[in-house]
N, C-alpha and C. Protein backbone atom coordinates (compact mmCIF):
# COMPACT_ATOMS: atom_id res chain seq x y z
N MET A 1 0.84 -1.18 0.00
CA MET A 1 0.00 0.00 0.00
C MET A 1 0.88 1.24 0.00
N SER A 2 0.45 2.24 -0.71
CA SER A 2 1.21 3.48 -0.70
C SER A 2 0.51 4.50 0.18
N ALA A 3 1.26 5.40 0.73
CA ALA A 3 0.72 6.43 1.60
C ALA A 3 0.01 7.49 0.76
N ASN A 4 -0.98 8.11 1.35
CA ASN A 4 -1.73 9.17 0.69
C ASN A 4 -0.93 10.47 0.79
N SER A 5 -0.69 11.11 -0.33
CA SER A 5 0.11 12.34 -0.34
C SER A 5 -0.74 13.60 -0.48
N LYS A 6 -2.07 13.47 -0.41
CA LYS A 6 -2.93 14.65 -0.57
C LYS A 6 -2.63 15.73 0.48
N LEU A 7 -2.41 15.32 1.73
CA LEU A 7 -2.12 16.30 2.78
C LEU A 7 -0.82 17.03 2.47
N THR A 8 0.17 16.31 2.01
CA THR A 8 1.46 16.92 1.68
C THR A 8 1.30 17.91 0.53
N ILE A 9 0.60 17.51 -0.51
CA ILE A 9 0.42 18.38 -1.67
C ILE A 9 -0.40 19.61 -1.29
N ALA A 10 -1.47 19.42 -0.54
CA ALA A 10 -2.30 20.56 -0.13
C ALA A 10 -1.52 21.51 0.78
N THR A 11 -0.74 20.97 1.69
CA THR A 11 0.07 21.81 2.58
C THR A 11 1.12 22.56 1.78
N HIS A 12 1.75 21.90 0.83
CA HIS A 12 2.72 22.53 -0.06
C HIS A 12 2.06 23.70 -0.79
N ALA A 13 0.88 23.45 -1.34
CA ALA A 13 0.17 24.50 -2.09
C ALA A 13 -0.17 25.69 -1.20
N LEU A 14 -0.68 25.43 0.00
CA LEU A 14 -1.05 26.54 0.89
C LEU A 14 0.18 27.28 1.40
N ALA A 15 1.27 26.56 1.65
CA ALA A 15 2.51 27.23 2.07
C ALA A 15 3.04 28.11 0.94
N TRP A 16 2.94 27.62 -0.30
CA TRP A 16 3.37 28.42 -1.45
C TRP A 16 2.51 29.68 -1.55
N MET A 17 1.21 29.52 -1.33
CA MET A 17 0.31 30.67 -1.37
C MET A 17 0.68 31.67 -0.27
N ALA A 18 0.99 31.18 0.92
CA ALA A 18 1.37 32.06 2.02
C ALA A 18 2.64 32.83 1.68
N LEU A 19 3.62 32.15 1.09
CA LEU A 19 4.86 32.83 0.69
C LEU A 19 4.57 33.84 -0.40
N ASN A 20 3.79 33.48 -1.39
CA ASN A 20 3.43 34.39 -2.47
C ASN A 20 2.76 35.65 -1.91
N GLU A 21 1.85 35.46 -0.97
CA GLU A 21 1.17 36.61 -0.36
C GLU A 21 2.13 37.46 0.46
N ARG A 22 3.05 36.80 1.17
CA ARG A 22 4.06 37.52 1.95
C ARG A 22 4.92 38.40 1.05
N MET A 23 5.14 37.93 -0.20
CA MET A 23 5.98 38.66 -1.14
C MET A 23 5.18 39.66 -1.97
N GLY A 24 3.91 39.88 -1.61
CA GLY A 24 3.10 40.89 -2.28
C GLY A 24 2.13 40.38 -3.32
N GLY A 25 2.12 39.08 -3.58
CA GLY A 25 1.18 38.53 -4.54
C GLY A 25 -0.24 38.58 -3.98
N LYS A 26 -1.19 38.83 -4.84
CA LYS A 26 -2.59 38.91 -4.41
C LYS A 26 -3.26 37.55 -4.48
N PHE A 27 -3.18 36.92 -5.65
CA PHE A 27 -3.81 35.63 -5.87
C PHE A 27 -2.79 34.68 -6.50
N THR A 28 -2.99 33.40 -6.27
CA THR A 28 -2.10 32.36 -6.77
C THR A 28 -2.87 31.49 -7.75
N THR A 29 -2.23 31.09 -8.84
CA THR A 29 -2.89 30.25 -9.84
C THR A 29 -2.46 28.79 -9.68
N SER A 30 -3.27 27.92 -10.26
CA SER A 30 -2.94 26.48 -10.22
C SER A 30 -1.66 26.20 -11.01
N GLU A 31 -1.40 26.99 -12.03
CA GLU A 31 -0.17 26.80 -12.81
C GLU A 31 1.05 27.12 -11.96
N GLN A 32 0.99 28.19 -11.18
CA GLN A 32 2.12 28.55 -10.31
C GLN A 32 2.39 27.45 -9.29
N ILE A 33 1.32 27.01 -8.63
CA ILE A 33 1.48 25.97 -7.61
C ILE A 33 1.91 24.66 -8.25
N GLY A 34 1.31 24.34 -9.39
CA GLY A 34 1.65 23.10 -10.08
C GLY A 34 3.13 23.00 -10.41
N LYS A 35 3.74 24.13 -10.80
CA LYS A 35 5.18 24.13 -11.09
C LYS A 35 5.98 23.81 -9.84
N SER A 36 5.58 24.39 -8.71
CA SER A 36 6.31 24.15 -7.47
C SER A 36 6.15 22.71 -6.99
N VAL A 37 4.94 22.20 -7.07
CA VAL A 37 4.65 20.84 -6.62
C VAL A 37 5.11 19.80 -7.63
N ALA A 38 5.32 20.24 -8.85
CA ALA A 38 5.67 19.34 -9.97
C ALA A 38 4.52 18.37 -10.25
N THR A 39 3.34 18.95 -10.36
CA THR A 39 2.16 18.14 -10.70
C THR A 39 1.26 18.95 -11.62
N ASN A 40 0.32 18.28 -12.22
CA ASN A 40 -0.59 18.90 -13.16
C ASN A 40 -1.48 19.92 -12.43
N PRO A 41 -1.68 21.09 -13.02
CA PRO A 41 -2.56 22.09 -12.40
C PRO A 41 -3.98 21.59 -12.12
N VAL A 42 -4.42 20.58 -12.85
CA VAL A 42 -5.75 20.00 -12.59
C VAL A 42 -5.80 19.39 -11.20
N VAL A 43 -4.72 18.73 -10.80
CA VAL A 43 -4.64 18.15 -9.46
C VAL A 43 -4.75 19.26 -8.42
N ILE A 44 -4.06 20.34 -8.66
CA ILE A 44 -4.08 21.48 -7.75
C ILE A 44 -5.49 22.07 -7.68
N ARG A 45 -6.14 22.22 -8.81
CA ARG A 45 -7.50 22.79 -8.82
C ARG A 45 -8.46 21.93 -8.00
N ARG A 46 -8.33 20.61 -8.11
CA ARG A 46 -9.19 19.72 -7.32
C ARG A 46 -8.97 19.93 -5.82
N LEU A 47 -7.70 19.99 -5.43
CA LEU A 47 -7.40 20.21 -4.01
C LEU A 47 -7.87 21.58 -3.54
N MET A 48 -7.68 22.59 -4.39
CA MET A 48 -8.09 23.94 -4.01
C MET A 48 -9.61 24.04 -3.88
N SER A 49 -10.31 23.26 -4.66
CA SER A 49 -11.76 23.21 -4.54
C SER A 49 -12.15 22.73 -3.14
N GLU A 50 -11.47 21.71 -2.66
CA GLU A 50 -11.73 21.20 -1.32
C GLU A 50 -11.35 22.22 -0.26
N MET A 51 -10.24 22.94 -0.47
CA MET A 51 -9.81 23.96 0.48
C MET A 51 -10.82 25.12 0.52
N ALA A 52 -11.35 25.48 -0.63
CA ALA A 52 -12.32 26.57 -0.71
C ALA A 52 -13.63 26.19 -0.01
N LYS A 53 -14.09 24.96 -0.22
CA LYS A 53 -15.33 24.51 0.42
C LYS A 53 -15.21 24.54 1.94
N SER A 54 -14.02 24.31 2.44
CA SER A 54 -13.80 24.30 3.89
C SER A 54 -13.54 25.69 4.46
N GLY A 55 -13.41 26.68 3.57
CA GLY A 55 -13.18 28.05 4.04
C GLY A 55 -11.73 28.39 4.32
N LEU A 56 -10.80 27.54 3.89
CA LEU A 56 -9.38 27.83 4.12
C LEU A 56 -8.84 28.83 3.10
N ILE A 57 -9.42 28.85 1.91
CA ILE A 57 -8.98 29.78 0.88
C ILE A 57 -10.18 30.48 0.27
N GLU A 58 -9.91 31.59 -0.39
CA GLU A 58 -10.92 32.33 -1.13
C GLU A 58 -10.58 32.25 -2.61
N THR A 59 -11.61 32.29 -3.42
CA THR A 59 -11.46 32.17 -4.87
C THR A 59 -11.82 33.48 -5.54
N GLN A 60 -11.05 33.83 -6.56
CA GLN A 60 -11.41 34.97 -7.41
C GLN A 60 -11.48 34.47 -8.84
N ARG A 61 -12.56 34.79 -9.49
CA ARG A 61 -12.75 34.40 -10.89
C ARG A 61 -12.52 35.61 -11.79
N GLY A 62 -12.38 35.34 -13.07
CA GLY A 62 -12.20 36.42 -14.04
C GLY A 62 -10.76 36.88 -14.11
N PRO A 63 -10.55 38.14 -14.54
CA PRO A 63 -9.18 38.67 -14.65
C PRO A 63 -8.46 38.60 -13.30
N GLY A 64 -7.24 38.13 -13.32
CA GLY A 64 -6.47 37.99 -12.08
C GLY A 64 -6.96 36.84 -11.22
N ALA A 65 -7.62 35.87 -11.84
CA ALA A 65 -8.21 34.75 -11.12
C ALA A 65 -7.17 33.97 -10.34
N GLY A 66 -7.62 33.34 -9.30
CA GLY A 66 -6.75 32.50 -8.49
C GLY A 66 -7.31 32.35 -7.09
N TRP A 67 -6.43 31.98 -6.18
CA TRP A 67 -6.82 31.76 -4.79
C TRP A 67 -5.92 32.55 -3.87
N ARG A 68 -6.43 32.78 -2.69
CA ARG A 68 -5.62 33.35 -1.60
C ARG A 68 -6.12 32.74 -0.30
N LEU A 69 -5.27 32.78 0.69
CA LEU A 69 -5.64 32.24 1.99
C LEU A 69 -6.79 33.06 2.58
N ALA A 70 -7.73 32.39 3.19
CA ALA A 70 -8.85 33.07 3.84
C ALA A 70 -8.50 33.43 5.28
N ARG A 71 -7.47 32.78 5.81
CA ARG A 71 -7.00 33.06 7.17
C ARG A 71 -5.49 33.17 7.15
N ALA A 72 -4.95 33.76 8.17
CA ALA A 72 -3.50 33.87 8.30
C ALA A 72 -2.89 32.48 8.47
N PRO A 73 -1.67 32.27 7.95
CA PRO A 73 -1.01 30.97 8.10
C PRO A 73 -0.89 30.52 9.56
N GLU A 74 -0.84 31.46 10.47
CA GLU A 74 -0.77 31.15 11.90
C GLU A 74 -2.09 30.58 12.41
N ASP A 75 -3.15 30.78 11.66
CA ASP A 75 -4.49 30.34 12.07
C ASP A 75 -4.97 29.10 11.32
N ILE A 76 -4.11 28.50 10.53
CA ILE A 76 -4.46 27.28 9.79
C ILE A 76 -3.55 26.16 10.28
N THR A 77 -4.16 25.10 10.79
CA THR A 77 -3.37 23.95 11.25
C THR A 77 -3.37 22.86 10.18
N LEU A 78 -2.44 21.95 10.32
CA LEU A 78 -2.43 20.81 9.41
C LEU A 78 -3.68 19.96 9.61
N TRP A 79 -4.25 19.97 10.82
CA TRP A 79 -5.50 19.25 11.03
C TRP A 79 -6.63 19.91 10.24
N ASP A 80 -6.65 21.26 10.18
CA ASP A 80 -7.66 21.96 9.37
C ASP A 80 -7.57 21.50 7.91
N ILE A 81 -6.35 21.42 7.40
CA ILE A 81 -6.14 21.00 6.02
C ILE A 81 -6.58 19.55 5.84
N ASN A 82 -6.19 18.70 6.77
CA ASN A 82 -6.55 17.29 6.71
C ASN A 82 -8.08 17.11 6.74
N GLU A 83 -8.75 17.86 7.59
CA GLU A 83 -10.21 17.79 7.65
C GLU A 83 -10.84 18.24 6.33
N ALA A 84 -10.27 19.30 5.73
CA ALA A 84 -10.78 19.79 4.45
C ALA A 84 -10.68 18.72 3.37
N LEU A 85 -9.70 17.85 3.50
CA LEU A 85 -9.49 16.78 2.53
C LEU A 85 -10.35 15.55 2.83
N GLY A 86 -11.10 15.61 3.92
CA GLY A 86 -11.92 14.45 4.30
C GLY A 86 -11.14 13.48 5.15
N ALA A 87 -10.63 13.96 6.26
CA ALA A 87 -9.79 13.15 7.15
C ALA A 87 -10.40 11.77 7.40
N GLU A 88 -9.56 10.77 7.32
CA GLU A 88 -9.97 9.40 7.60
C GLU A 88 -9.06 8.83 8.68
N ALA A 89 -9.54 7.79 9.31
CA ALA A 89 -8.74 7.12 10.32
C ALA A 89 -7.48 6.54 9.68
N ALA A 90 -6.42 6.48 10.46
CA ALA A 90 -5.16 5.95 9.94
C ALA A 90 -5.26 4.46 9.62
N PHE A 91 -5.99 3.73 10.44
CA PHE A 91 -6.13 2.29 10.26
C PHE A 91 -7.60 1.92 10.37
N ALA A 92 -7.96 0.83 9.75
CA ALA A 92 -9.35 0.35 9.81
C ALA A 92 -9.35 -1.14 10.10
N LEU A 93 -10.41 -1.56 10.73
CA LEU A 93 -10.61 -2.99 10.94
C LEU A 93 -11.11 -3.60 9.64
N HIS A 94 -10.91 -4.89 9.47
CA HIS A 94 -11.37 -5.51 8.22
C HIS A 94 -12.89 -5.43 8.13
N ARG A 95 -13.39 -5.38 6.93
CA ARG A 95 -14.82 -5.16 6.68
C ARG A 95 -15.67 -6.37 7.00
N ASN A 96 -15.15 -7.54 6.77
CA ASN A 96 -15.92 -8.76 7.00
C ASN A 96 -15.91 -9.13 8.48
N GLU A 97 -17.01 -9.67 8.94
CA GLU A 97 -17.08 -10.17 10.31
C GLU A 97 -16.13 -11.35 10.44
N PRO A 98 -15.25 -11.32 11.43
CA PRO A 98 -14.35 -12.45 11.63
C PRO A 98 -15.11 -13.70 12.07
N SER A 99 -14.49 -14.81 11.92
CA SER A 99 -15.08 -16.10 12.29
C SER A 99 -15.30 -16.16 13.80
N GLU A 100 -16.51 -16.51 14.20
CA GLU A 100 -16.82 -16.64 15.63
C GLU A 100 -16.18 -17.88 16.24
N SER A 101 -15.76 -18.83 15.41
CA SER A 101 -15.17 -20.07 15.94
C SER A 101 -13.68 -19.92 16.27
N CYS A 102 -13.09 -18.80 15.89
CA CYS A 102 -11.65 -18.59 16.12
C CYS A 102 -11.44 -17.62 17.28
N PRO A 103 -10.64 -17.98 18.27
CA PRO A 103 -10.41 -17.08 19.40
C PRO A 103 -9.70 -15.77 19.00
N VAL A 104 -8.83 -15.84 18.03
CA VAL A 104 -8.18 -14.60 17.56
C VAL A 104 -9.20 -13.72 16.86
N ALA A 105 -10.02 -14.32 16.02
CA ALA A 105 -11.03 -13.55 15.30
C ALA A 105 -12.01 -12.89 16.26
N ARG A 106 -12.40 -13.59 17.32
CA ARG A 106 -13.36 -13.03 18.29
C ARG A 106 -12.75 -11.86 19.06
N GLY A 107 -11.45 -11.87 19.23
CA GLY A 107 -10.83 -10.84 20.06
C GLY A 107 -10.08 -9.74 19.33
N ILE A 108 -9.89 -9.89 18.01
CA ILE A 108 -9.03 -8.94 17.29
C ILE A 108 -9.61 -7.53 17.28
N ARG A 109 -10.89 -7.41 17.04
CA ARG A 109 -11.51 -6.06 17.00
C ARG A 109 -11.44 -5.37 18.35
N PRO A 110 -11.88 -6.04 19.44
CA PRO A 110 -11.78 -5.36 20.73
C PRO A 110 -10.33 -5.05 21.14
N ALA A 111 -9.39 -5.85 20.68
CA ALA A 111 -7.98 -5.60 21.01
C ALA A 111 -7.41 -4.42 20.23
N LEU A 112 -7.76 -4.32 18.96
CA LEU A 112 -7.18 -3.27 18.12
C LEU A 112 -7.91 -1.93 18.18
N THR A 113 -9.20 -1.93 18.47
CA THR A 113 -9.98 -0.69 18.46
C THR A 113 -9.37 0.39 19.35
N PRO A 114 -9.02 0.11 20.61
CA PRO A 114 -8.43 1.18 21.43
C PRO A 114 -7.04 1.61 20.95
N VAL A 115 -6.29 0.68 20.40
CA VAL A 115 -4.96 1.03 19.86
C VAL A 115 -5.12 2.01 18.70
N TYR A 116 -6.03 1.69 17.78
CA TYR A 116 -6.26 2.55 16.62
C TYR A 116 -6.81 3.91 17.06
N ALA A 117 -7.64 3.92 18.09
CA ALA A 117 -8.17 5.19 18.60
C ALA A 117 -7.04 6.06 19.14
N ARG A 118 -6.10 5.46 19.85
CA ARG A 118 -4.95 6.22 20.37
C ARG A 118 -4.08 6.76 19.23
N VAL A 119 -3.89 5.96 18.20
CA VAL A 119 -3.12 6.42 17.03
C VAL A 119 -3.81 7.62 16.39
N ASP A 120 -5.11 7.52 16.18
CA ASP A 120 -5.85 8.63 15.57
C ASP A 120 -5.79 9.88 16.44
N ASP A 121 -5.89 9.71 17.76
CA ASP A 121 -5.79 10.86 18.67
C ASP A 121 -4.40 11.50 18.59
N ALA A 122 -3.36 10.68 18.51
CA ALA A 122 -2.00 11.21 18.42
C ALA A 122 -1.81 11.98 17.10
N ILE A 123 -2.33 11.44 16.02
CA ILE A 123 -2.24 12.13 14.73
C ILE A 123 -2.97 13.46 14.80
N ARG A 124 -4.18 13.44 15.35
CA ARG A 124 -4.98 14.66 15.45
C ARG A 124 -4.24 15.72 16.29
N ARG A 125 -3.71 15.31 17.43
CA ARG A 125 -2.98 16.25 18.30
C ARG A 125 -1.78 16.85 17.58
N GLU A 126 -1.00 16.00 16.91
CA GLU A 126 0.20 16.48 16.22
C GLU A 126 -0.15 17.45 15.10
N LEU A 127 -1.13 17.08 14.28
CA LEU A 127 -1.53 17.95 13.16
C LEU A 127 -2.17 19.24 13.66
N ALA A 128 -2.95 19.16 14.73
CA ALA A 128 -3.60 20.35 15.28
C ALA A 128 -2.60 21.29 15.94
N GLY A 129 -1.47 20.75 16.36
CA GLY A 129 -0.43 21.57 16.99
C GLY A 129 0.58 22.16 16.02
N THR A 130 0.41 21.87 14.75
CA THR A 130 1.34 22.37 13.73
C THR A 130 0.58 23.29 12.80
N HIS A 131 1.05 24.52 12.69
CA HIS A 131 0.38 25.52 11.86
C HIS A 131 1.08 25.68 10.51
N LEU A 132 0.33 26.15 9.54
CA LEU A 132 0.89 26.40 8.22
C LEU A 132 2.10 27.33 8.32
N ALA A 133 2.04 28.30 9.21
CA ALA A 133 3.17 29.22 9.40
C ALA A 133 4.41 28.47 9.86
N ASP A 134 4.23 27.45 10.72
CA ASP A 134 5.36 26.63 11.18
C ASP A 134 5.99 25.88 10.00
N VAL A 135 5.14 25.31 9.16
CA VAL A 135 5.64 24.56 8.00
C VAL A 135 6.40 25.48 7.06
N LEU A 136 5.84 26.67 6.78
CA LEU A 136 6.51 27.62 5.90
C LEU A 136 7.84 28.05 6.49
N ARG A 137 7.86 28.37 7.78
CA ARG A 137 9.12 28.77 8.44
C ARG A 137 10.16 27.67 8.34
N ASP A 138 9.77 26.44 8.67
CA ASP A 138 10.72 25.33 8.64
C ASP A 138 11.18 25.02 7.22
N THR A 139 10.26 25.14 6.27
CA THR A 139 10.60 24.89 4.87
C THR A 139 11.64 25.89 4.39
N LEU A 140 11.43 27.15 4.71
CA LEU A 140 12.37 28.19 4.27
C LEU A 140 13.72 28.05 4.98
N THR A 141 13.70 27.60 6.22
CA THR A 141 14.94 27.39 6.97
C THR A 141 15.75 26.25 6.32
N VAL A 142 15.07 25.14 6.04
CA VAL A 142 15.76 23.99 5.46
C VAL A 142 16.28 24.33 4.05
N SER A 143 15.50 25.07 3.29
CA SER A 143 15.91 25.38 1.91
C SER A 143 16.93 26.52 1.83
N GLY A 144 17.18 27.18 2.98
CA GLY A 144 18.15 28.27 3.00
C GLY A 144 17.63 29.56 2.39
N ALA A 145 16.33 29.67 2.22
CA ALA A 145 15.74 30.89 1.62
C ALA A 145 15.57 31.98 2.65
């Protein structure tokens, strides 16, 4: 299984928008973000649609079209972005009912459910404690910009 990179791409896009705005840009286009992310602008537009529906960004149509952050980078957490993307649990129990005749099958769900709940809580806490401004600061520090 491969990991989902939507959160990374969306965070990259919003951090790029924050930097663009810091440098005086008004709106950001999918083409600009797509070049930075090295992905098709259509992918960016889909993600930005989700960000706009959640109220993280504002959209401008027509001349000078694009997006801008609806809130300051200090007020957007990675959990906000993850929720905008339709946050899902990190792990899931199997869909089929396990065999009642097997002792492992009878106990696997009750054994794993609290573990998975703790993992989800830890993810939520970590993402909620990290702001877009933190990511942009750390990104610029690492890149030497």
